[in-house]
Amino acid sequence: ACVLEILVPLAEQNHGLSYLERRR
């Protein structure tokens, strides 16, 4: 849960979103 909270700001950026999508 802590890690997910930390990752939230990355998911708000298009390049961050692309990275998260590549990692499924």
PDBML (XML) file of the C-alpha atoms, coordinates in Angstrom:
<?xml version="1.0" encoding="UTF-8" ?>
<PDBx:datablock datablockName="MODEL"
   xmlns:PDBx="http://pdbml.pdb.org/schema/pdbx-v50.xsd"
   xmlns:xsi="http://www.w3.org/2001/XMLSchema-instance"
   xsi:schemaLocation="http://pdbml.pdb.org/schema/pdbx-v50.xsd pdbx-v50.xsd">
   <PDBx:atom_siteCategory>
      <PDBx:atom_site id="1">
         <PDBx:B_iso_or_equiv>0.00</PDBx:B_iso_or_equiv>
         <PDBx:Cartn_x>0.000</PDBx:Cartn_x>
         <PDBx:Cartn_y>0.000</PDBx:Cartn_y>
         <PDBx:Cartn_z>0.000</PDBx:Cartn_z>
         <PDBx:auth_asym_id>A</PDBx:auth_asym_id>
         <PDBx:auth_atom_id>CA</PDBx:auth_atom_id>
         <PDBx:auth_comp_id>ALA</PDBx:auth_comp_id>
         <PDBx:auth_seq_id>1</PDBx:auth_seq_id>
         <PDBx:group_PDB>ATOM</PDBx:group_PDB>
         <PDBx:label_alt_id xsi:nil="true" />
         <PDBx:label_asym_id>A</PDBx:label_asym_id>
         <PDBx:label_atom_id>CA</PDBx:label_atom_id>
         <PDBx:label_comp_id>ALA</PDBx:label_comp_id>
         <PDBx:label_entity_id>1</PDBx:label_entity_id>
         <PDBx:label_seq_id>1</PDBx:label_seq_id>
         <PDBx:occupancy>1.00</PDBx:occupancy>
         <PDBx:pdbx_PDB_model_num>1</PDBx:pdbx_PDB_model_num>
         <PDBx:type_symbol>C</PDBx:type_symbol>
      </PDBx:atom_site>
      <PDBx:atom_site id="2">
         <PDBx:B_iso_or_equiv>0.00</PDBx:B_iso_or_equiv>
         <PDBx:Cartn_x>2.869</PDBx:Cartn_x>
         <PDBx:Cartn_y>2.368</PDBx:Cartn_y>
         <PDBx:Cartn_z>0.842</PDBx:Cartn_z>
         <PDBx:auth_asym_id>A</PDBx:auth_asym_id>
         <PDBx:auth_atom_id>CA</PDBx:auth_atom_id>
         <PDBx:auth_comp_id>CYS</PDBx:auth_comp_id>
         <PDBx:auth_seq_id>2</PDBx:auth_seq_id>
         <PDBx:group_PDB>ATOM</PDBx:group_PDB>
         <PDBx:label_alt_id xsi:nil="true" />
         <PDBx:label_asym_id>A</PDBx:label_asym_id>
         <PDBx:label_atom_id>CA</PDBx:label_atom_id>
         <PDBx:label_comp_id>CYS</PDBx:label_comp_id>
         <PDBx:label_entity_id>1</PDBx:label_entity_id>
         <PDBx:label_seq_id>2</PDBx:label_seq_id>
         <PDBx:occupancy>1.00</PDBx:occupancy>
         <PDBx:pdbx_PDB_model_num>1</PDBx:pdbx_PDB_model_num>
         <PDBx:type_symbol>C</PDBx:type_symbol>
      </PDBx:atom_site>
      <PDBx:atom_site id="3">
         <PDBx:B_iso_or_equiv>0.00</PDBx:B_iso_or_equiv>
         <PDBx:Cartn_x>4.578</PDBx:Cartn_x>
         <PDBx:Cartn_y>1.706</PDBx:Cartn_y>
         <PDBx:Cartn_z>-2.499</PDBx:Cartn_z>
         <PDBx:auth_asym_id>A</PDBx:auth_asym_id>
         <PDBx:auth_atom_id>CA</PDBx:auth_atom_id>
         <PDBx:auth_comp_id>VAL</PDBx:auth_comp_id>
         <PDBx:auth_seq_id>3</PDBx:auth_seq_id>
         <PDBx:group_PDB>ATOM</PDBx:group_PDB>
         <PDBx:label_alt_id xsi:nil="true" />
         <PDBx:label_asym_id>A</PDBx:label_asym_id>
         <PDBx:label_atom_id>CA</PDBx:label_atom_id>
         <PDBx:label_comp_id>VAL</PDBx:label_comp_id>
         <PDBx:label_entity_id>1</PDBx:label_entity_id>
         <PDBx:label_seq_id>3</PDBx:label_seq_id>
         <PDBx:occupancy>1.00</PDBx:occupancy>
         <PDBx:pdbx_PDB_model_num>1</PDBx:pdbx_PDB_model_num>
         <PDBx:type_symbol>C</PDBx:type_symbol>
      </PDBx:atom_site>
      <PDBx:atom_site id="4">
         <PDBx:B_iso_or_equiv>0.00</PDBx:B_iso_or_equiv>
         <PDBx:Cartn_x>1.341</PDBx:Cartn_x>
         <PDBx:Cartn_y>2.279</PDBx:Cartn_y>
         <PDBx:Cartn_z>-4.417</PDBx:Cartn_z>
         <PDBx:auth_asym_id>A</PDBx:auth_asym_id>
         <PDBx:auth_atom_id>CA</PDBx:auth_atom_id>
         <PDBx:auth_comp_id>LEU</PDBx:auth_comp_id>
         <PDBx:auth_seq_id>4</PDBx:auth_seq_id>
         <PDBx:group_PDB>ATOM</PDBx:group_PDB>
         <PDBx:label_alt_id xsi:nil="true" />
         <PDBx:label_asym_id>A</PDBx:label_asym_id>
         <PDBx:label_atom_id>CA</PDBx:label_atom_id>
         <PDBx:label_comp_id>LEU</PDBx:label_comp_id>
         <PDBx:label_entity_id>1</PDBx:label_entity_id>
         <PDBx:label_seq_id>4</PDBx:label_seq_id>
         <PDBx:occupancy>1.00</PDBx:occupancy>
         <PDBx:pdbx_PDB_model_num>1</PDBx:pdbx_PDB_model_num>
         <PDBx:type_symbol>C</PDBx:type_symbol>
      </PDBx:atom_site>
      <PDBx:atom_site id="5">
         <PDBx:B_iso_or_equiv>0.00</PDBx:B_iso_or_equiv>
         <PDBx:Cartn_x>0.899</PDBx:Cartn_x>
         <PDBx:Cartn_y>5.627</PDBx:Cartn_y>
         <PDBx:Cartn_z>-2.661</PDBx:Cartn_z>
         <PDBx:auth_asym_id>A</PDBx:auth_asym_id>
         <PDBx:auth_atom_id>CA</PDBx:auth_atom_id>
         <PDBx:auth_comp_id>GLU</PDBx:auth_comp_id>
         <PDBx:auth_seq_id>5</PDBx:auth_seq_id>
         <PDBx:group_PDB>ATOM</PDBx:group_PDB>
         <PDBx:label_alt_id xsi:nil="true" />
         <PDBx:label_asym_id>A</PDBx:label_asym_id>
         <PDBx:label_atom_id>CA</PDBx:label_atom_id>
         <PDBx:label_comp_id>GLU</PDBx:label_comp_id>
         <PDBx:label_entity_id>1</PDBx:label_entity_id>
         <PDBx:label_seq_id>5</PDBx:label_seq_id>
         <PDBx:occupancy>1.00</PDBx:occupancy>
         <PDBx:pdbx_PDB_model_num>1</PDBx:pdbx_PDB_model_num>
         <PDBx:type_symbol>C</PDBx:type_symbol>
      </PDBx:atom_site>
      <PDBx:atom_site id="6">
         <PDBx:B_iso_or_equiv>0.00</PDBx:B_iso_or_equiv>
         <PDBx:Cartn_x>4.461</PDBx:Cartn_x>
         <PDBx:Cartn_y>6.565</PDBx:Cartn_y>
         <PDBx:Cartn_z>-3.625</PDBx:Cartn_z>
         <PDBx:auth_asym_id>A</PDBx:auth_asym_id>
         <PDBx:auth_atom_id>CA</PDBx:auth_atom_id>
         <PDBx:auth_comp_id>ILE</PDBx:auth_comp_id>
         <PDBx:auth_seq_id>6</PDBx:auth_seq_id>
         <PDBx:group_PDB>ATOM</PDBx:group_PDB>
         <PDBx:label_alt_id xsi:nil="true" />
         <PDBx:label_asym_id>A</PDBx:label_asym_id>
         <PDBx:label_atom_id>CA</PDBx:label_atom_id>
         <PDBx:label_comp_id>ILE</PDBx:label_comp_id>
         <PDBx:label_entity_id>1</PDBx:label_entity_id>
         <PDBx:label_seq_id>6</PDBx:label_seq_id>
         <PDBx:occupancy>1.00</PDBx:occupancy>
         <PDBx:pdbx_PDB_model_num>1</PDBx:pdbx_PDB_model_num>
         <PDBx:type_symbol>C</PDBx:type_symbol>
      </PDBx:atom_site>
      <PDBx:atom_site id="7">
         <PDBx:B_iso_or_equiv>0.00</PDBx:B_iso_or_equiv>
         <PDBx:Cartn_x>3.870</PDBx:Cartn_x>
         <PDBx:Cartn_y>5.635</PDBx:Cartn_y>
         <PDBx:Cartn_z>-7.278</PDBx:Cartn_z>
         <PDBx:auth_asym_id>A</PDBx:auth_asym_id>
         <PDBx:auth_atom_id>CA</PDBx:auth_atom_id>
         <PDBx:auth_comp_id>LEU</PDBx:auth_comp_id>
         <PDBx:auth_seq_id>7</PDBx:auth_seq_id>
         <PDBx:group_PDB>ATOM</PDBx:group_PDB>
         <PDBx:label_alt_id xsi:nil="true" />
         <PDBx:label_asym_id>A</PDBx:label_asym_id>
         <PDBx:label_atom_id>CA</PDBx:label_atom_id>
         <PDBx:label_comp_id>LEU</PDBx:label_comp_id>
         <PDBx:label_entity_id>1</PDBx:label_entity_id>
         <PDBx:label_seq_id>7</PDBx:label_seq_id>
         <PDBx:occupancy>1.00</PDBx:occupancy>
         <PDBx:pdbx_PDB_model_num>1</PDBx:pdbx_PDB_model_num>
         <PDBx:type_symbol>C</PDBx:type_symbol>
      </PDBx:atom_site>
      <PDBx:atom_site id="8">
         <PDBx:B_iso_or_equiv>0.00</PDBx:B_iso_or_equiv>
         <PDBx:Cartn_x>0.737</PDBx:Cartn_x>
         <PDBx:Cartn_y>7.791</PDBx:Cartn_y>
         <PDBx:Cartn_z>-7.629</PDBx:Cartn_z>
         <PDBx:auth_asym_id>A</PDBx:auth_asym_id>
         <PDBx:auth_atom_id>CA</PDBx:auth_atom_id>
         <PDBx:auth_comp_id>VAL</PDBx:auth_comp_id>
         <PDBx:auth_seq_id>8</PDBx:auth_seq_id>
         <PDBx:group_PDB>ATOM</PDBx:group_PDB>
         <PDBx:label_alt_id xsi:nil="true" />
         <PDBx:label_asym_id>A</PDBx:label_asym_id>
         <PDBx:label_atom_id>CA</PDBx:label_atom_id>
         <PDBx:label_comp_id>VAL</PDBx:label_comp_id>
         <PDBx:label_entity_id>1</PDBx:label_entity_id>
         <PDBx:label_seq_id>8</PDBx:label_seq_id>
         <PDBx:occupancy>1.00</PDBx:occupancy>
         <PDBx:pdbx_PDB_model_num>1</PDBx:pdbx_PDB_model_num>
         <PDBx:type_symbol>C</PDBx:type_symbol>
      </PDBx:atom_site>
      <PDBx:atom_site id="9">
         <PDBx:B_iso_or_equiv>0.00</PDBx:B_iso_or_equiv>
         <PDBx:Cartn_x>2.517</PDBx:Cartn_x>
         <PDBx:Cartn_y>11.000</PDBx:Cartn_y>
         <PDBx:Cartn_z>-8.823</PDBx:Cartn_z>
         <PDBx:auth_asym_id>A</PDBx:auth_asym_id>
         <PDBx:auth_atom_id>CA</PDBx:auth_atom_id>
         <PDBx:auth_comp_id>PRO</PDBx:auth_comp_id>
         <PDBx:auth_seq_id>9</PDBx:auth_seq_id>
         <PDBx:group_PDB>ATOM</PDBx:group_PDB>
         <PDBx:label_alt_id xsi:nil="true" />
         <PDBx:label_asym_id>A</PDBx:label_asym_id>
         <PDBx:label_atom_id>CA</PDBx:label_atom_id>
         <PDBx:label_comp_id>PRO</PDBx:label_comp_id>
         <PDBx:label_entity_id>1</PDBx:label_entity_id>
         <PDBx:label_seq_id>9</PDBx:label_seq_id>
         <PDBx:occupancy>1.00</PDBx:occupancy>
         <PDBx:pdbx_PDB_model_num>1</PDBx:pdbx_PDB_model_num>
         <PDBx:type_symbol>C</PDBx:type_symbol>
      </PDBx:atom_site>
      <PDBx:atom_site id="10">
         <PDBx:B_iso_or_equiv>0.00</PDBx:B_iso_or_equiv>
         <PDBx:Cartn_x>4.294</PDBx:Cartn_x>
         <PDBx:Cartn_y>8.964</PDBx:Cartn_y>
         <PDBx:Cartn_z>-11.511</PDBx:Cartn_z>
         <PDBx:auth_asym_id>A</PDBx:auth_asym_id>
         <PDBx:auth_atom_id>CA</PDBx:auth_atom_id>
         <PDBx:auth_comp_id>LEU</PDBx:auth_comp_id>
         <PDBx:auth_seq_id>10</PDBx:auth_seq_id>
         <PDBx:group_PDB>ATOM</PDBx:group_PDB>
         <PDBx:label_alt_id xsi:nil="true" />
         <PDBx:label_asym_id>A</PDBx:label_asym_id>
         <PDBx:label_atom_id>CA</PDBx:label_atom_id>
         <PDBx:label_comp_id>LEU</PDBx:label_comp_id>
         <PDBx:label_entity_id>1</PDBx:label_entity_id>
         <PDBx:label_seq_id>10</PDBx:label_seq_id>
         <PDBx:occupancy>1.00</PDBx:occupancy>
         <PDBx:pdbx_PDB_model_num>1</PDBx:pdbx_PDB_model_num>
         <PDBx:type_symbol>C</PDBx:type_symbol>
      </PDBx:atom_site>
      <PDBx:atom_site id="11">
         <PDBx:B_iso_or_equiv>0.00</PDBx:B_iso_or_equiv>
         <PDBx:Cartn_x>0.944</PDBx:Cartn_x>
         <PDBx:Cartn_y>7.760</PDBx:Cartn_y>
         <PDBx:Cartn_z>-12.834</PDBx:Cartn_z>
         <PDBx:auth_asym_id>A</PDBx:auth_asym_id>
         <PDBx:auth_atom_id>CA</PDBx:auth_atom_id>
         <PDBx:auth_comp_id>ALA</PDBx:auth_comp_id>
         <PDBx:auth_seq_id>11</PDBx:auth_seq_id>
         <PDBx:group_PDB>ATOM</PDBx:group_PDB>
         <PDBx:label_alt_id xsi:nil="true" />
         <PDBx:label_asym_id>A</PDBx:label_asym_id>
         <PDBx:label_atom_id>CA</PDBx:label_atom_id>
         <PDBx:label_comp_id>ALA</PDBx:label_comp_id>
         <PDBx:label_entity_id>1</PDBx:label_entity_id>
         <PDBx:label_seq_id>11</PDBx:label_seq_id>
         <PDBx:occupancy>1.00</PDBx:occupancy>
         <PDBx:pdbx_PDB_model_num>1</PDBx:pdbx_PDB_model_num>
         <PDBx:type_symbol>C</PDBx:type_symbol>
      </PDBx:atom_site>
      <PDBx:atom_site id="12">
         <PDBx:B_iso_or_equiv>0.00</PDBx:B_iso_or_equiv>
         <PDBx:Cartn_x>-0.152</PDBx:Cartn_x>
         <PDBx:Cartn_y>11.383</PDBx:Cartn_y>
         <PDBx:Cartn_z>-13.370</PDBx:Cartn_z>
         <PDBx:auth_asym_id>A</PDBx:auth_asym_id>
         <PDBx:auth_atom_id>CA</PDBx:auth_atom_id>
         <PDBx:auth_comp_id>GLU</PDBx:auth_comp_id>
         <PDBx:auth_seq_id>12</PDBx:auth_seq_id>
         <PDBx:group_PDB>ATOM</PDBx:group_PDB>
         <PDBx:label_alt_id xsi:nil="true" />
         <PDBx:label_asym_id>A</PDBx:label_asym_id>
         <PDBx:label_atom_id>CA</PDBx:label_atom_id>
         <PDBx:label_comp_id>GLU</PDBx:label_comp_id>
         <PDBx:label_entity_id>1</PDBx:label_entity_id>
         <PDBx:label_seq_id>12</PDBx:label_seq_id>
         <PDBx:occupancy>1.00</PDBx:occupancy>
         <PDBx:pdbx_PDB_model_num>1</PDBx:pdbx_PDB_model_num>
         <PDBx:type_symbol>C</PDBx:type_symbol>
      </PDBx:atom_site>
      <PDBx:atom_site id="13">
         <PDBx:B_iso_or_equiv>0.00</PDBx:B_iso_or_equiv>
         <PDBx:Cartn_x>2.551</PDBx:Cartn_x>
         <PDBx:Cartn_y>11.991</PDBx:Cartn_y>
         <PDBx:Cartn_z>-16.004</PDBx:Cartn_z>
         <PDBx:auth_asym_id>A</PDBx:auth_asym_id>
         <PDBx:auth_atom_id>CA</PDBx:auth_atom_id>
         <PDBx:auth_comp_id>GLN</PDBx:auth_comp_id>
         <PDBx:auth_seq_id>13</PDBx:auth_seq_id>
         <PDBx:group_PDB>ATOM</PDBx:group_PDB>
         <PDBx:label_alt_id xsi:nil="true" />
         <PDBx:label_asym_id>A</PDBx:label_asym_id>
         <PDBx:label_atom_id>CA</PDBx:label_atom_id>
         <PDBx:label_comp_id>GLN</PDBx:label_comp_id>
         <PDBx:label_entity_id>1</PDBx:label_entity_id>
         <PDBx:label_seq_id>13</PDBx:label_seq_id>
         <PDBx:occupancy>1.00</PDBx:occupancy>
         <PDBx:pdbx_PDB_model_num>1</PDBx:pdbx_PDB_model_num>
         <PDBx:type_symbol>C</PDBx:type_symbol>
      </PDBx:atom_site>
      <PDBx:atom_site id="14">
         <PDBx:B_iso_or_equiv>0.00</PDBx:B_iso_or_equiv>
         <PDBx:Cartn_x>2.242</PDBx:Cartn_x>
         <PDBx:Cartn_y>10.648</PDBx:Cartn_y>
         <PDBx:Cartn_z>-19.547</PDBx:Cartn_z>
         <PDBx:auth_asym_id>A</PDBx:auth_asym_id>
         <PDBx:auth_atom_id>CA</PDBx:auth_atom_id>
         <PDBx:auth_comp_id>ASN</PDBx:auth_comp_id>
         <PDBx:auth_seq_id>14</PDBx:auth_seq_id>
         <PDBx:group_PDB>ATOM</PDBx:group_PDB>
         <PDBx:label_alt_id xsi:nil="true" />
         <PDBx:label_asym_id>A</PDBx:label_asym_id>
         <PDBx:label_atom_id>CA</PDBx:label_atom_id>
         <PDBx:label_comp_id>ASN</PDBx:label_comp_id>
         <PDBx:label_entity_id>1</PDBx:label_entity_id>
         <PDBx:label_seq_id>14</PDBx:label_seq_id>
         <PDBx:occupancy>1.00</PDBx:occupancy>
         <PDBx:pdbx_PDB_model_num>1</PDBx:pdbx_PDB_model_num>
         <PDBx:type_symbol>C</PDBx:type_symbol>
      </PDBx:atom_site>
      <PDBx:atom_site id="15">
         <PDBx:B_iso_or_equiv>0.00</PDBx:B_iso_or_equiv>
         <PDBx:Cartn_x>5.840</PDBx:Cartn_x>
         <PDBx:Cartn_y>9.380</PDBx:Cartn_y>
         <PDBx:Cartn_z>-19.659</PDBx:Cartn_z>
         <PDBx:auth_asym_id>A</PDBx:auth_asym_id>
         <PDBx:auth_atom_id>CA</PDBx:auth_atom_id>
         <PDBx:auth_comp_id>HIS</PDBx:auth_comp_id>
         <PDBx:auth_seq_id>15</PDBx:auth_seq_id>
         <PDBx:group_PDB>ATOM</PDBx:group_PDB>
         <PDBx:label_alt_id xsi:nil="true" />
         <PDBx:label_asym_id>A</PDBx:label_asym_id>
         <PDBx:label_atom_id>CA</PDBx:label_atom_id>
         <PDBx:label_comp_id>HIS</PDBx:label_comp_id>
         <PDBx:label_entity_id>1</PDBx:label_entity_id>
         <PDBx:label_seq_id>15</PDBx:label_seq_id>
         <PDBx:occupancy>1.00</PDBx:occupancy>
         <PDBx:pdbx_PDB_model_num>1</PDBx:pdbx_PDB_model_num>
         <PDBx:type_symbol>C</PDBx:type_symbol>
      </PDBx:atom_site>
      <PDBx:atom_site id="16">
         <PDBx:B_iso_or_equiv>0.00</PDBx:B_iso_or_equiv>
         <PDBx:Cartn_x>5.360</PDBx:Cartn_x>
         <PDBx:Cartn_y>7.826</PDBx:Cartn_y>
         <PDBx:Cartn_z>-16.219</PDBx:Cartn_z>
         <PDBx:auth_asym_id>A</PDBx:auth_asym_id>
         <PDBx:auth_atom_id>CA</PDBx:auth_atom_id>
         <PDBx:auth_comp_id>GLY</PDBx:auth_comp_id>
         <PDBx:auth_seq_id>16</PDBx:auth_seq_id>
         <PDBx:group_PDB>ATOM</PDBx:group_PDB>
         <PDBx:label_alt_id xsi:nil="true" />
         <PDBx:label_asym_id>A</PDBx:label_asym_id>
         <PDBx:label_atom_id>CA</PDBx:label_atom_id>
         <PDBx:label_comp_id>GLY</PDBx:label_comp_id>
         <PDBx:label_entity_id>1</PDBx:label_entity_id>
         <PDBx:label_seq_id>16</PDBx:label_seq_id>
         <PDBx:occupancy>1.00</PDBx:occupancy>
         <PDBx:pdbx_PDB_model_num>1</PDBx:pdbx_PDB_model_num>
         <PDBx:type_symbol>C</PDBx:type_symbol>
      </PDBx:atom_site>
      <PDBx:atom_site id="17">
         <PDBx:B_iso_or_equiv>0.00</PDBx:B_iso_or_equiv>
         <PDBx:Cartn_x>2.139</PDBx:Cartn_x>
         <PDBx:Cartn_y>6.243</PDBx:Cartn_y>
         <PDBx:Cartn_z>-17.363</PDBx:Cartn_z>
         <PDBx:auth_asym_id>A</PDBx:auth_asym_id>
         <PDBx:auth_atom_id>CA</PDBx:auth_atom_id>
         <PDBx:auth_comp_id>LEU</PDBx:auth_comp_id>
         <PDBx:auth_seq_id>17</PDBx:auth_seq_id>
         <PDBx:group_PDB>ATOM</PDBx:group_PDB>
         <PDBx:label_alt_id xsi:nil="true" />
         <PDBx:label_asym_id>A</PDBx:label_asym_id>
         <PDBx:label_atom_id>CA</PDBx:label_atom_id>
         <PDBx:label_comp_id>LEU</PDBx:label_comp_id>
         <PDBx:label_entity_id>1</PDBx:label_entity_id>
         <PDBx:label_seq_id>17</PDBx:label_seq_id>
         <PDBx:occupancy>1.00</PDBx:occupancy>
         <PDBx:pdbx_PDB_model_num>1</PDBx:pdbx_PDB_model_num>
         <PDBx:type_symbol>C</PDBx:type_symbol>
      </PDBx:atom_site>
      <PDBx:atom_site id="18">
         <PDBx:B_iso_or_equiv>0.00</PDBx:B_iso_or_equiv>
         <PDBx:Cartn_x>3.925</PDBx:Cartn_x>
         <PDBx:Cartn_y>4.748</PDBx:Cartn_y>
         <PDBx:Cartn_z>-20.372</PDBx:Cartn_z>
         <PDBx:auth_asym_id>A</PDBx:auth_asym_id>
         <PDBx:auth_atom_id>CA</PDBx:auth_atom_id>
         <PDBx:auth_comp_id>SER</PDBx:auth_comp_id>
         <PDBx:auth_seq_id>18</PDBx:auth_seq_id>
         <PDBx:group_PDB>ATOM</PDBx:group_PDB>
         <PDBx:label_alt_id xsi:nil="true" />
         <PDBx:label_asym_id>A</PDBx:label_asym_id>
         <PDBx:label_atom_id>CA</PDBx:label_atom_id>
         <PDBx:label_comp_id>SER</PDBx:label_comp_id>
         <PDBx:label_entity_id>1</PDBx:label_entity_id>
         <PDBx:label_seq_id>18</PDBx:label_seq_id>
         <PDBx:occupancy>1.00</PDBx:occupancy>
         <PDBx:pdbx_PDB_model_num>1</PDBx:pdbx_PDB_model_num>
         <PDBx:type_symbol>C</PDBx:type_symbol>
      </PDBx:atom_site>
      <PDBx:atom_site id="19">
         <PDBx:B_iso_or_equiv>0.00</PDBx:B_iso_or_equiv>
         <PDBx:Cartn_x>6.541</PDBx:Cartn_x>
         <PDBx:Cartn_y>3.216</PDBx:Cartn_y>
         <PDBx:Cartn_z>-18.079</PDBx:Cartn_z>
         <PDBx:auth_asym_id>A</PDBx:auth_asym_id>
         <PDBx:auth_atom_id>CA</PDBx:auth_atom_id>
         <PDBx:auth_comp_id>TYR</PDBx:auth_comp_id>
         <PDBx:auth_seq_id>19</PDBx:auth_seq_id>
         <PDBx:group_PDB>ATOM</PDBx:group_PDB>
         <PDBx:label_alt_id xsi:nil="true" />
         <PDBx:label_asym_id>A</PDBx:label_asym_id>
         <PDBx:label_atom_id>CA</PDBx:label_atom_id>
         <PDBx:label_comp_id>TYR</PDBx:label_comp_id>
         <PDBx:label_entity_id>1</PDBx:label_entity_id>
         <PDBx:label_seq_id>19</PDBx:label_seq_id>
         <PDBx:occupancy>1.00</PDBx:occupancy>
         <PDBx:pdbx_PDB_model_num>1</PDBx:pdbx_PDB_model_num>
         <PDBx:type_symbol>C</PDBx:type_symbol>
      </PDBx:atom_site>
      <PDBx:atom_site id="20">
         <PDBx:B_iso_or_equiv>0.00</PDBx:B_iso_or_equiv>
         <PDBx:Cartn_x>3.863</PDBx:Cartn_x>
         <PDBx:Cartn_y>1.696</PDBx:Cartn_y>
         <PDBx:Cartn_z>-15.830</PDBx:Cartn_z>
         <PDBx:auth_asym_id>A</PDBx:auth_asym_id>
         <PDBx:auth_atom_id>CA</PDBx:auth_atom_id>
         <PDBx:auth_comp_id>LEU</PDBx:auth_comp_id>
         <PDBx:auth_seq_id>20</PDBx:auth_seq_id>
         <PDBx:group_PDB>ATOM</PDBx:group_PDB>
         <PDBx:label_alt_id xsi:nil="true" />
         <PDBx:label_asym_id>A</PDBx:label_asym_id>
         <PDBx:label_atom_id>CA</PDBx:label_atom_id>
         <PDBx:label_comp_id>LEU</PDBx:label_comp_id>
         <PDBx:label_entity_id>1</PDBx:label_entity_id>
         <PDBx:label_seq_id>20</PDBx:label_seq_id>
         <PDBx:occupancy>1.00</PDBx:occupancy>
         <PDBx:pdbx_PDB_model_num>1</PDBx:pdbx_PDB_model_num>
         <PDBx:type_symbol>C</PDBx:type_symbol>
      </PDBx:atom_site>
      <PDBx:atom_site id="21">
         <PDBx:B_iso_or_equiv>0.00</PDBx:B_iso_or_equiv>
         <PDBx:Cartn_x>2.038</PDBx:Cartn_x>
         <PDBx:Cartn_y>0.309</PDBx:Cartn_y>
         <PDBx:Cartn_z>-18.843</PDBx:Cartn_z>
         <PDBx:auth_asym_id>A</PDBx:auth_asym_id>
         <PDBx:auth_atom_id>CA</PDBx:auth_atom_id>
         <PDBx:auth_comp_id>GLU</PDBx:auth_comp_id>
         <PDBx:auth_seq_id>21</PDBx:auth_seq_id>
         <PDBx:group_PDB>ATOM</PDBx:group_PDB>
         <PDBx:label_alt_id xsi:nil="true" />
         <PDBx:label_asym_id>A</PDBx:label_asym_id>
         <PDBx:label_atom_id>CA</PDBx:label_atom_id>
         <PDBx:label_comp_id>GLU</PDBx:label_comp_id>
         <PDBx:label_entity_id>1</PDBx:label_entity_id>
         <PDBx:label_seq_id>21</PDBx:label_seq_id>
         <PDBx:occupancy>1.00</PDBx:occupancy>
         <PDBx:pdbx_PDB_model_num>1</PDBx:pdbx_PDB_model_num>
         <PDBx:type_symbol>C</PDBx:type_symbol>
      </PDBx:atom_site>
      <PDBx:atom_site id="22">
         <PDBx:B_iso_or_equiv>0.00</PDBx:B_iso_or_equiv>
         <PDBx:Cartn_x>5.224</PDBx:Cartn_x>
         <PDBx:Cartn_y>-1.308</PDBx:Cartn_y>
         <PDBx:Cartn_z>-20.164</PDBx:Cartn_z>
         <PDBx:auth_asym_id>A</PDBx:auth_asym_id>
         <PDBx:auth_atom_id>CA</PDBx:auth_atom_id>
         <PDBx:auth_comp_id>ARG</PDBx:auth_comp_id>
         <PDBx:auth_seq_id>22</PDBx:auth_seq_id>
         <PDBx:group_PDB>ATOM</PDBx:group_PDB>
         <PDBx:label_alt_id xsi:nil="true" />
         <PDBx:label_asym_id>A</PDBx:label_asym_id>
         <PDBx:label_atom_id>CA</PDBx:label_atom_id>
         <PDBx:label_comp_id>ARG</PDBx:label_comp_id>
         <PDBx:label_entity_id>1</PDBx:label_entity_id>
         <PDBx:label_seq_id>22</PDBx:label_seq_id>
         <PDBx:occupancy>1.00</PDBx:occupancy>
         <PDBx:pdbx_PDB_model_num>1</PDBx:pdbx_PDB_model_num>
         <PDBx:type_symbol>C</PDBx:type_symbol>
      </PDBx:atom_site>
      <PDBx:atom_site id="23">
         <PDBx:B_iso_or_equiv>0.00</PDBx:B_iso_or_equiv>
         <PDBx:Cartn_x>5.633</PDBx:Cartn_x>
         <PDBx:Cartn_y>-2.980</PDBx:Cartn_y>
         <PDBx:Cartn_z>-16.782</PDBx:Cartn_z>
         <PDBx:auth_asym_id>A</PDBx:auth_asym_id>
         <PDBx:auth_atom_id>CA</PDBx:auth_atom_id>
         <PDBx:auth_comp_id>ARG</PDBx:auth_comp_id>
         <PDBx:auth_seq_id>23</PDBx:auth_seq_id>
         <PDBx:group_PDB>ATOM</PDBx:group_PDB>
         <PDBx:label_alt_id xsi:nil="true" />
         <PDBx:label_asym_id>A</PDBx:label_asym_id>
         <PDBx:label_atom_id>CA</PDBx:label_atom_id>
         <PDBx:label_comp_id>ARG</PDBx:label_comp_id>
         <PDBx:label_entity_id>1</PDBx:label_entity_id>
         <PDBx:label_seq_id>23</PDBx:label_seq_id>
         <PDBx:occupancy>1.00</PDBx:occupancy>
         <PDBx:pdbx_PDB_model_num>1</PDBx:pdbx_PDB_model_num>
         <PDBx:type_symbol>C</PDBx:type_symbol>
      </PDBx:atom_site>
      <PDBx:atom_site id="24">
         <PDBx:B_iso_or_equiv>0.00</PDBx:B_iso_or_equiv>
         <PDBx:Cartn_x>1.963</PDBx:Cartn_x>
         <PDBx:Cartn_y>-4.144</PDBx:Cartn_y>
         <PDBx:Cartn_z>-16.883</PDBx:Cartn_z>
         <PDBx:auth_asym_id>A</PDBx:auth_asym_id>
         <PDBx:auth_atom_id>CA</PDBx:auth_atom_id>
         <PDBx:auth_comp_id>ARG</PDBx:auth_comp_id>
         <PDBx:auth_seq_id>24</PDBx:auth_seq_id>
         <PDBx:group_PDB>ATOM</PDBx:group_PDB>
         <PDBx:label_alt_id xsi:nil="true" />
         <PDBx:label_asym_id>A</PDBx:label_asym_id>
         <PDBx:label_atom_id>CA</PDBx:label_atom_id>
         <PDBx:label_comp_id>ARG</PDBx:label_comp_id>
         <PDBx:label_entity_id>1</PDBx:label_entity_id>
         <PDBx:label_seq_id>24</PDBx:label_seq_id>
         <PDBx:occupancy>1.00</PDBx:occupancy>
         <PDBx:pdbx_PDB_model_num>1</PDBx:pdbx_PDB_model_num>
         <PDBx:type_symbol>C</PDBx:type_symbol>
      </PDBx:atom_site>
   </PDBx:atom_siteCategory>
</PDBx:datablock>
